Amino acid sequence: MLNRIMDQAMLFLLALGCLALLAMVLLTAADVGLRYFFSSPISASYELSEILMGVFAPVAILYCAYRNSHVCVDILFEHFSPGMQRAALFLSNAAVLICAVLLTWQSWHLIGELRETGLTSATLDLPMWPLACVFLLAFALYIPTAAIHLRRGEKQ
């Protein structure tokens, strides 16, 4: 049941992240084209790219962790004894789990703070709290992912 919920949530977030990346690419291409050919860049392109990156980055981090496809360099790890490898995996996975919990907790508080202060973007006056909701969802889904890696003793 948990795997099915995680899969559905990952599909939603992956679609959201892909749309954000596509929008960033199209926006940047349009901005460069308009600047080069017509000397008329899109005034808020930098701000929109920052916001879209704020959507894309936590989703990409979560997706890599969910698929267990982070890049890792095993120069030292391969020379450890099997017991030392298990201990290193446990410590690193526990640290990732703790960080996921702390990031989720802080994202929750960030949403409240952004709603309370009414913080908006500088140029377009877009509210910033929905972006914090993406952070909250991504980091909240990172918790069971990190817990599964911790339980299995997998590399992240």
Protein backbone atom coordinates (compact mmCIF):
# COMPACT_ATOMS: atom_id res chain seq x y z
CA MET A 1 0.00 0.00 0.00
CA LEU A 2 2.80 2.42 0.92
CA ASN A 3 4.65 1.61 -2.32
CA ARG A 4 1.55 2.39 -4.35
CA ILE A 5 1.02 5.73 -2.60
CA MET A 6 4.71 6.57 -3.00
CA ASP A 7 4.61 5.64 -6.69
CA GLN A 8 1.57 7.85 -7.30
CA ALA A 9 3.06 10.76 -5.40
CA MET A 10 6.35 10.33 -7.27
CA LEU A 11 4.55 10.33 -10.62
CA PHE A 12 2.79 13.56 -9.68
CA LEU A 13 5.96 15.25 -8.48
CA LEU A 14 7.95 13.94 -11.43
CA ALA A 15 5.38 15.40 -13.84
CA LEU A 16 5.53 18.69 -11.92
CA GLY A 17 9.34 18.71 -12.05
CA CYS A 18 9.39 17.87 -15.76
CA LEU A 19 6.94 20.68 -16.48
CA ALA A 20 9.10 23.08 -14.48
CA LEU A 21 12.21 22.02 -16.39
CA LEU A 22 10.43 22.33 -19.74
CA ALA A 23 9.14 25.77 -18.79
CA MET A 24 12.68 26.84 -17.79
CA VAL A 25 14.10 25.67 -21.11
CA LEU A 26 11.38 27.37 -23.16
CA LEU A 27 11.57 30.54 -21.11
CA THR A 28 15.34 30.75 -21.44
CA ALA A 29 15.21 30.06 -25.18
CA ALA A 30 12.55 32.72 -25.67
CA ASP A 31 14.45 35.20 -23.53
CA VAL A 32 17.70 34.65 -25.45
CA GLY A 33 15.91 34.81 -28.80
CA LEU A 34 14.04 37.98 -27.95
CA ARG A 35 17.18 39.58 -26.53
CA TYR A 36 19.35 38.64 -29.49
CA PHE A 37 16.96 39.34 -32.37
CA PHE A 38 14.74 42.11 -31.00
CA SER A 39 16.79 43.60 -28.14
CA SER A 40 13.75 43.02 -25.94
CA PRO A 41 14.35 40.40 -23.23
CA ILE A 42 11.63 39.02 -21.01
CA SER A 43 11.79 41.20 -17.92
CA ALA A 44 10.89 38.55 -15.36
CA SER A 45 12.68 35.58 -16.94
CA TYR A 46 15.36 35.43 -14.25
CA GLU A 47 12.76 35.51 -11.48
CA LEU A 48 10.61 32.85 -13.15
CA SER A 49 13.67 30.65 -13.69
CA GLU A 50 14.52 30.91 -9.99
CA ILE A 51 10.98 29.92 -9.02
CA LEU A 52 10.91 27.03 -11.50
CA MET A 53 14.28 25.83 -10.22
CA GLY A 54 12.77 25.87 -6.74
CA VAL A 55 10.15 23.44 -8.03
CA PHE A 56 12.56 21.29 -10.02
CA ALA A 57 15.45 20.88 -7.54
CA PRO A 58 13.69 19.18 -4.59
CA VAL A 59 11.76 16.93 -6.97
CA ALA A 60 14.98 15.89 -8.73
CA ILE A 61 16.68 15.16 -5.39
CA LEU A 62 13.72 13.07 -4.24
CA TYR A 63 13.48 11.20 -7.54
CA CYS A 64 17.16 10.28 -7.49
CA ALA A 65 16.83 9.03 -3.93
CA TYR A 66 13.61 7.14 -4.68
CA ARG A 67 15.24 5.37 -7.64
CA ASN A 68 18.47 4.99 -5.67
CA SER A 69 20.38 6.48 -8.59
CA HIS A 70 22.55 9.14 -6.97
CA VAL A 71 26.10 9.36 -8.21
CA CYS A 72 28.52 7.99 -5.66
CA VAL A 73 32.28 7.62 -5.59
CA ASP A 74 33.48 4.51 -3.82
CA ILE A 75 37.21 5.17 -3.69
CA LEU A 76 37.46 4.71 0.09
CA PHE A 77 34.29 2.69 0.67
CA GLU A 78 35.53 -0.29 -1.38
CA HIS A 79 38.59 -0.62 0.86
CA PHE A 80 36.53 -0.89 4.05
CA SER A 81 35.85 -4.24 5.65
CA PRO A 82 32.27 -5.54 5.25
CA GLY A 83 31.49 -4.57 8.85
CA MET A 84 32.89 -1.09 8.35
CA GLN A 85 30.87 -0.75 5.13
CA ARG A 86 27.66 -1.65 6.98
CA ALA A 87 28.49 0.86 9.72
CA ALA A 88 29.26 3.59 7.19
CA LEU A 89 26.01 2.88 5.32
CA PHE A 90 24.04 2.94 8.55
CA LEU A 91 25.54 6.25 9.65
CA SER A 92 25.10 7.92 6.27
CA ASN A 93 21.53 6.65 5.86
CA ALA A 94 20.66 7.72 9.40
CA ALA A 95 22.07 11.19 8.69
CA VAL A 96 20.01 11.43 5.49
CA LEU A 97 16.87 10.38 7.37
CA ILE A 98 17.48 12.96 10.10
CA CYS A 99 18.07 15.66 7.48
CA ALA A 100 14.86 14.67 5.67
CA VAL A 101 12.88 14.99 8.90
CA LEU A 102 14.46 18.36 9.70
CA LEU A 103 13.88 19.69 6.18
CA THR A 104 10.25 18.58 6.28
CA TRP A 105 9.75 20.23 9.66
CA GLN A 106 11.39 23.46 8.50
CA SER A 107 9.38 23.45 5.26
CA TRP A 108 6.20 23.26 7.32
CA HIS A 109 7.27 26.28 9.34
CA LEU A 110 8.37 28.09 6.19
CA ILE A 111 4.89 27.77 4.67
CA GLY A 112 3.34 29.35 7.76
CA GLU A 113 5.89 32.13 7.82
CA LEU A 114 5.47 32.90 4.12
CA ARG A 115 1.69 32.96 4.41
CA GLU A 116 1.82 35.12 7.51
CA THR A 117 4.21 37.67 6.03
CA GLY A 118 2.63 37.54 2.56
CA LEU A 119 6.06 37.40 0.91
CA THR A 120 5.86 37.68 -2.88
CA SER A 121 8.35 37.70 -5.71
CA ALA A 122 9.95 41.01 -6.57
CA THR A 123 8.86 41.57 -10.17
CA LEU A 124 5.71 39.50 -10.70
CA ASP A 125 4.35 39.73 -7.15
CA LEU A 126 3.74 35.95 -7.03
CA PRO A 127 3.13 34.46 -3.57
CA MET A 128 6.05 32.32 -2.42
CA TRP A 129 4.23 29.93 -0.08
CA PRO A 130 3.13 27.52 -2.86
CA LEU A 131 6.79 26.96 -3.67
CA ALA A 132 7.38 26.01 -0.04
CA CYS A 133 4.54 23.47 -0.40
CA VAL A 134 6.54 21.71 -3.12
CA PHE A 135 9.50 21.60 -0.73
CA LEU A 136 7.30 20.19 2.02
CA LEU A 137 5.85 17.46 -0.19
CA ALA A 138 9.23 16.47 -1.62
CA PHE A 139 10.97 16.33 1.74
CA ALA A 140 8.02 14.56 3.39
CA LEU A 141 8.25 11.86 0.72
CA TYR A 142 11.98 11.69 1.28
CA ILE A 143 11.40 10.43 4.84
CA PRO A 144 9.97 6.99 3.92
CA THR A 145 12.50 6.72 1.07
CA ALA A 146 15.38 7.35 3.48
CA ALA A 147 13.85 4.99 6.04
CA ILE A 148 13.67 2.21 3.44
CA HIS A 149 17.33 2.76 2.51
CA LEU A 150 18.27 2.74 6.20
CA ARG A 151 16.37 -0.49 6.81
CA ARG A 152 17.86 -2.22 3.76
CA GLY A 153 21.37 -0.83 4.32
CA GLU A 154 21.55 0.58 0.78
CA LYS A 155 23.79 3.30 -0.55
CA GLN A 156 22.16 6.65 -1.25
